[in-house]
Amino acid sequence: MTDRLDQSKALASDARLSIMEWLSQPDAHFSKQVTGKPSEIGVCVTLITERLNMAQPTVSRHLELLRRAGFLSVHKIGRWSFFKRDEAAISDYKAWINDHL
């Protein structure tokens, strides 16, 4: 089981909350991705970096925190990484919050 405190900390950032929101509707927010449909393969780090207007290492750190918290999965194609939300993990976290607040 993922540590709930780590999950809560992962969401304690405007940038990470924006990423989670955008990835909830990836085809709408990242329609210019040419590698594949964002809802199917995930969204390329490069596009998330552009949208956040941050340095790539900073964005990679945000994505890694969300991945370690269980909220994102990563799919690699060549040297590129594509991120998707893990809806089951997100639902589980929401249920835990509802049960404990």
N, C-alpha and C. Protein backbone atom coordinates (compact mmCIF):
# COMPACT_ATOMS: atom_id res chain seq x y z
N MET A 1 0.84 -1.19 0.00
CA MET A 1 0.00 0.00 0.00
C MET A 1 0.88 1.25 0.00
N THR A 2 0.50 2.22 -0.76
CA THR A 2 1.23 3.47 -0.84
C THR A 2 1.00 4.26 0.44
N ASP A 3 2.04 4.92 0.90
CA ASP A 3 1.95 5.74 2.11
C ASP A 3 1.04 6.94 1.85
N ARG A 4 0.00 7.07 2.66
CA ARG A 4 -0.99 8.13 2.46
C ARG A 4 -0.39 9.52 2.69
N LEU A 5 0.57 9.63 3.60
CA LEU A 5 1.22 10.92 3.83
C LEU A 5 2.01 11.33 2.58
N ASP A 6 2.72 10.38 1.97
CA ASP A 6 3.45 10.68 0.74
C ASP A 6 2.50 11.09 -0.38
N GLN A 7 1.34 10.43 -0.45
CA GLN A 7 0.36 10.80 -1.46
C GLN A 7 -0.15 12.21 -1.23
N SER A 8 -0.43 12.54 0.01
CA SER A 8 -0.92 13.88 0.33
C SER A 8 0.13 14.93 0.01
N LYS A 9 1.38 14.65 0.34
CA LYS A 9 2.47 15.58 0.04
C LYS A 9 2.62 15.76 -1.47
N ALA A 10 2.42 14.69 -2.23
CA ALA A 10 2.56 14.77 -3.69
C ALA A 10 1.55 15.73 -4.29
N LEU A 11 0.41 15.89 -3.64
CA LEU A 11 -0.63 16.78 -4.14
C LEU A 11 -0.50 18.21 -3.60
N ALA A 12 0.48 18.44 -2.75
CA ALA A 12 0.64 19.74 -2.10
C ALA A 12 1.50 20.69 -2.95
N SER A 13 1.10 20.87 -4.20
CA SER A 13 1.83 21.74 -5.11
C SER A 13 0.89 22.17 -6.22
N ASP A 14 0.87 23.46 -6.49
CA ASP A 14 0.02 23.95 -7.59
C ASP A 14 0.41 23.32 -8.92
N ALA A 15 1.71 23.16 -9.14
CA ALA A 15 2.18 22.57 -10.41
C ALA A 15 1.70 21.12 -10.53
N ARG A 16 1.83 20.35 -9.45
CA ARG A 16 1.41 18.95 -9.51
C ARG A 16 -0.10 18.82 -9.61
N LEU A 17 -0.83 19.69 -8.96
CA LEU A 17 -2.30 19.67 -9.12
C LEU A 17 -2.69 20.03 -10.55
N SER A 18 -1.98 20.97 -11.16
CA SER A 18 -2.25 21.31 -12.56
C SER A 18 -1.99 20.11 -13.46
N ILE A 19 -0.88 19.43 -13.24
CA ILE A 19 -0.57 18.23 -14.02
C ILE A 19 -1.69 17.22 -13.90
N MET A 20 -2.14 16.97 -12.67
CA MET A 20 -3.21 15.99 -12.47
C MET A 20 -4.49 16.41 -13.18
N GLU A 21 -4.80 17.70 -13.12
CA GLU A 21 -6.00 18.20 -13.80
C GLU A 21 -5.87 18.04 -15.31
N TRP A 22 -4.76 18.45 -15.88
CA TRP A 22 -4.56 18.36 -17.33
C TRP A 22 -4.62 16.91 -17.80
N LEU A 23 -4.01 16.00 -17.01
CA LEU A 23 -4.00 14.60 -17.42
C LEU A 23 -5.35 13.93 -17.24
N SER A 24 -6.29 14.59 -16.57
CA SER A 24 -7.64 14.02 -16.47
C SER A 24 -8.36 14.10 -17.81
N GLN A 25 -7.94 15.03 -18.68
CA GLN A 25 -8.48 15.17 -20.03
C GLN A 25 -7.31 15.44 -20.98
N PRO A 26 -6.46 14.44 -21.16
CA PRO A 26 -5.22 14.67 -21.91
C PRO A 26 -5.44 15.03 -23.38
N ASP A 27 -6.47 14.48 -24.01
CA ASP A 27 -6.68 14.79 -25.43
C ASP A 27 -7.06 16.26 -25.62
N ALA A 28 -7.77 16.82 -24.66
CA ALA A 28 -8.15 18.24 -24.75
C ALA A 28 -6.98 19.16 -24.46
N HIS A 29 -6.15 18.80 -23.50
CA HIS A 29 -5.06 19.69 -23.07
C HIS A 29 -3.77 19.51 -23.86
N PHE A 30 -3.61 18.36 -24.50
CA PHE A 30 -2.36 18.07 -25.22
C PHE A 30 -2.66 17.56 -26.63
N SER A 31 -3.55 18.23 -27.31
CA SER A 31 -4.00 17.79 -28.64
C SER A 31 -2.90 17.86 -29.70
N LYS A 32 -1.85 18.64 -29.45
CA LYS A 32 -0.80 18.75 -30.47
C LYS A 32 0.24 17.64 -30.40
N GLN A 33 0.07 16.70 -29.47
CA GLN A 33 1.01 15.58 -29.39
C GLN A 33 0.89 14.74 -30.67
N VAL A 34 2.00 14.49 -31.34
CA VAL A 34 1.97 13.77 -32.60
C VAL A 34 2.39 12.30 -32.47
N THR A 35 3.01 11.93 -31.37
CA THR A 35 3.51 10.57 -31.18
C THR A 35 2.39 9.54 -31.08
N GLY A 36 1.28 9.94 -30.53
CA GLY A 36 0.13 9.06 -30.33
C GLY A 36 -0.91 9.79 -29.53
N LYS A 37 -2.10 9.21 -29.46
CA LYS A 37 -3.20 9.84 -28.74
C LYS A 37 -2.88 9.90 -27.24
N PRO A 38 -2.89 11.10 -26.65
CA PRO A 38 -2.52 11.23 -25.24
C PRO A 38 -3.33 10.34 -24.29
N SER A 39 -4.61 10.13 -24.56
CA SER A 39 -5.42 9.30 -23.68
C SER A 39 -5.05 7.82 -23.78
N GLU A 40 -4.35 7.45 -24.84
CA GLU A 40 -3.97 6.05 -25.02
C GLU A 40 -2.55 5.77 -24.53
N ILE A 41 -1.60 6.61 -24.92
CA ILE A 41 -0.19 6.32 -24.57
C ILE A 41 0.33 7.20 -23.44
N GLY A 42 -0.42 8.22 -23.06
CA GLY A 42 0.05 9.17 -22.06
C GLY A 42 0.56 10.43 -22.74
N VAL A 43 1.02 11.36 -21.93
CA VAL A 43 1.47 12.66 -22.43
C VAL A 43 2.98 12.75 -22.25
N CYS A 44 3.65 13.20 -23.30
CA CYS A 44 5.10 13.34 -23.29
C CYS A 44 5.54 14.42 -22.28
N VAL A 45 6.61 14.14 -21.60
CA VAL A 45 7.17 15.09 -20.62
C VAL A 45 7.42 16.45 -21.27
N THR A 46 7.86 16.45 -22.51
CA THR A 46 8.16 17.71 -23.20
C THR A 46 6.93 18.62 -23.27
N LEU A 47 5.77 18.06 -23.55
CA LEU A 47 4.55 18.87 -23.63
C LEU A 47 4.11 19.38 -22.27
N ILE A 48 4.28 18.55 -21.25
CA ILE A 48 3.95 18.99 -19.88
C ILE A 48 4.90 20.11 -19.47
N THR A 49 6.17 19.97 -19.82
CA THR A 49 7.17 21.00 -19.51
C THR A 49 6.81 22.32 -20.17
N GLU A 50 6.42 22.27 -21.45
CA GLU A 50 6.02 23.49 -22.15
C GLU A 50 4.82 24.14 -21.49
N ARG A 51 3.85 23.32 -21.14
CA ARG A 51 2.61 23.87 -20.56
C ARG A 51 2.87 24.50 -19.19
N LEU A 52 3.73 23.89 -18.39
CA LEU A 52 4.05 24.45 -17.07
C LEU A 52 4.99 25.64 -17.17
N ASN A 53 5.71 25.75 -18.28
CA ASN A 53 6.70 26.82 -18.46
C ASN A 53 7.75 26.77 -17.34
N MET A 54 8.26 25.56 -17.12
CA MET A 54 9.30 25.32 -16.11
C MET A 54 10.44 24.57 -16.78
N ALA A 55 11.56 24.50 -16.08
CA ALA A 55 12.69 23.72 -16.57
C ALA A 55 12.34 22.23 -16.55
N GLN A 56 12.86 21.50 -17.53
CA GLN A 56 12.55 20.08 -17.65
C GLN A 56 12.93 19.28 -16.40
N PRO A 57 14.09 19.52 -15.76
CA PRO A 57 14.40 18.76 -14.54
C PRO A 57 13.37 19.00 -13.42
N THR A 58 12.86 20.22 -13.32
CA THR A 58 11.85 20.54 -12.31
C THR A 58 10.56 19.77 -12.59
N VAL A 59 10.15 19.76 -13.84
CA VAL A 59 8.92 19.04 -14.22
C VAL A 59 9.11 17.55 -14.00
N SER A 60 10.27 17.03 -14.35
CA SER A 60 10.54 15.60 -14.13
C SER A 60 10.44 15.25 -12.66
N ARG A 61 10.90 16.14 -11.80
CA ARG A 61 10.80 15.91 -10.35
C ARG A 61 9.33 15.87 -9.91
N HIS A 62 8.53 16.80 -10.41
CA HIS A 62 7.10 16.81 -10.09
C HIS A 62 6.44 15.51 -10.55
N LEU A 63 6.74 15.09 -11.76
CA LEU A 63 6.15 13.86 -12.31
C LEU A 63 6.59 12.64 -11.51
N GLU A 64 7.84 12.61 -11.11
CA GLU A 64 8.34 11.48 -10.34
C GLU A 64 7.67 11.40 -8.97
N LEU A 65 7.44 12.52 -8.33
CA LEU A 65 6.73 12.51 -7.04
C LEU A 65 5.31 11.97 -7.21
N LEU A 66 4.64 12.38 -8.26
CA LEU A 66 3.28 11.87 -8.52
C LEU A 66 3.30 10.40 -8.87
N ARG A 67 4.31 9.97 -9.61
CA ARG A 67 4.43 8.55 -9.95
C ARG A 67 4.70 7.70 -8.71
N ARG A 68 5.63 8.14 -7.88
CA ARG A 68 5.93 7.39 -6.65
C ARG A 68 4.75 7.34 -5.70
N ALA A 69 3.90 8.37 -5.75
CA ALA A 69 2.69 8.38 -4.91
C ALA A 69 1.62 7.45 -5.48
N GLY A 70 1.84 6.95 -6.68
CA GLY A 70 0.90 6.02 -7.29
C GLY A 70 -0.15 6.67 -8.17
N PHE A 71 -0.08 7.98 -8.33
CA PHE A 71 -1.11 8.69 -9.10
C PHE A 71 -0.87 8.68 -10.61
N LEU A 72 0.36 8.41 -11.02
CA LEU A 72 0.70 8.39 -12.44
C LEU A 72 1.44 7.11 -12.78
N SER A 73 1.27 6.69 -14.03
CA SER A 73 2.10 5.61 -14.57
C SER A 73 2.90 6.19 -15.72
N VAL A 74 4.02 5.57 -16.01
CA VAL A 74 4.89 6.04 -17.09
C VAL A 74 5.06 4.93 -18.11
N HIS A 75 5.03 5.34 -19.37
CA HIS A 75 5.20 4.42 -20.50
C HIS A 75 6.35 4.98 -21.33
N LYS A 76 7.36 4.16 -21.57
CA LYS A 76 8.52 4.64 -22.33
C LYS A 76 8.43 4.16 -23.77
N ILE A 77 8.68 5.08 -24.68
CA ILE A 77 8.80 4.76 -26.10
C ILE A 77 10.13 5.36 -26.54
N GLY A 78 11.10 4.49 -26.80
CA GLY A 78 12.44 4.97 -27.10
C GLY A 78 13.00 5.72 -25.90
N ARG A 79 13.44 6.94 -26.13
CA ARG A 79 13.98 7.73 -25.02
C ARG A 79 12.95 8.66 -24.41
N TRP A 80 11.71 8.57 -24.88
CA TRP A 80 10.65 9.46 -24.42
C TRP A 80 9.80 8.79 -23.35
N SER A 81 9.36 9.58 -22.38
CA SER A 81 8.48 9.10 -21.32
C SER A 81 7.12 9.76 -21.44
N PHE A 82 6.08 8.94 -21.34
CA PHE A 82 4.70 9.40 -21.45
C PHE A 82 3.96 9.05 -20.16
N PHE A 83 3.25 10.04 -19.62
CA PHE A 83 2.59 9.88 -18.33
C PHE A 83 1.08 9.87 -18.46
N LYS A 84 0.46 8.97 -17.67
CA LYS A 84 -1.00 8.86 -17.60
C LYS A 84 -1.40 8.79 -16.13
N ARG A 85 -2.62 9.22 -15.86
CA ARG A 85 -3.16 9.08 -14.51
C ARG A 85 -3.49 7.61 -14.24
N ASP A 86 -3.32 7.19 -13.00
CA ASP A 86 -3.75 5.87 -12.56
C ASP A 86 -5.08 6.08 -11.84
N GLU A 87 -6.17 5.95 -12.58
CA GLU A 87 -7.49 6.27 -12.05
C GLU A 87 -7.89 5.39 -10.87
N ALA A 88 -7.46 4.13 -10.86
CA ALA A 88 -7.78 3.24 -9.74
C ALA A 88 -7.11 3.74 -8.46
N ALA A 89 -5.84 4.14 -8.56
CA ALA A 89 -5.11 4.65 -7.39
C ALA A 89 -5.73 5.97 -6.91
N ILE A 90 -6.13 6.81 -7.84
CA ILE A 90 -6.75 8.09 -7.48
C ILE A 90 -8.08 7.85 -6.77
N SER A 91 -8.87 6.94 -7.29
CA SER A 91 -10.16 6.61 -6.65
C SER A 91 -9.95 6.04 -5.26
N ASP A 92 -8.93 5.19 -5.11
CA ASP A 92 -8.62 4.62 -3.81
C ASP A 92 -8.23 5.71 -2.81
N TYR A 93 -7.42 6.66 -3.26
CA TYR A 93 -7.01 7.77 -2.39
C TYR A 93 -8.21 8.63 -2.01
N LYS A 94 -9.08 8.92 -2.97
CA LYS A 94 -10.29 9.71 -2.68
C LYS A 94 -11.17 9.00 -1.65
N ALA A 95 -11.33 7.69 -1.79
CA ALA A 95 -12.12 6.92 -0.83
C ALA A 95 -11.49 6.97 0.55
N TRP A 96 -10.16 6.87 0.61
CA TRP A 96 -9.48 6.94 1.90
C TRP A 96 -9.71 8.30 2.55
N ILE A 97 -9.59 9.37 1.76
CA ILE A 97 -9.84 10.72 2.28
C ILE A 97 -11.27 10.82 2.82
N ASN A 98 -12.22 10.34 2.05
CA ASN A 98 -13.63 10.39 2.48
C ASN A 98 -13.86 9.63 3.78
N ASP A 99 -13.17 8.51 3.95
CA ASP A 99 -13.32 7.68 5.15
C ASP A 99 -12.64 8.30 6.37
N HIS A 100 -11.65 9.15 6.16
CA HIS A 100 -10.85 9.64 7.28
C HIS A 100 -11.03 11.12 7.59
N LEU A 101 -11.83 11.82 6.82
CA LEU A 101 -12.07 13.23 7.13
C LEU A 101 -13.51 13.46 7.55
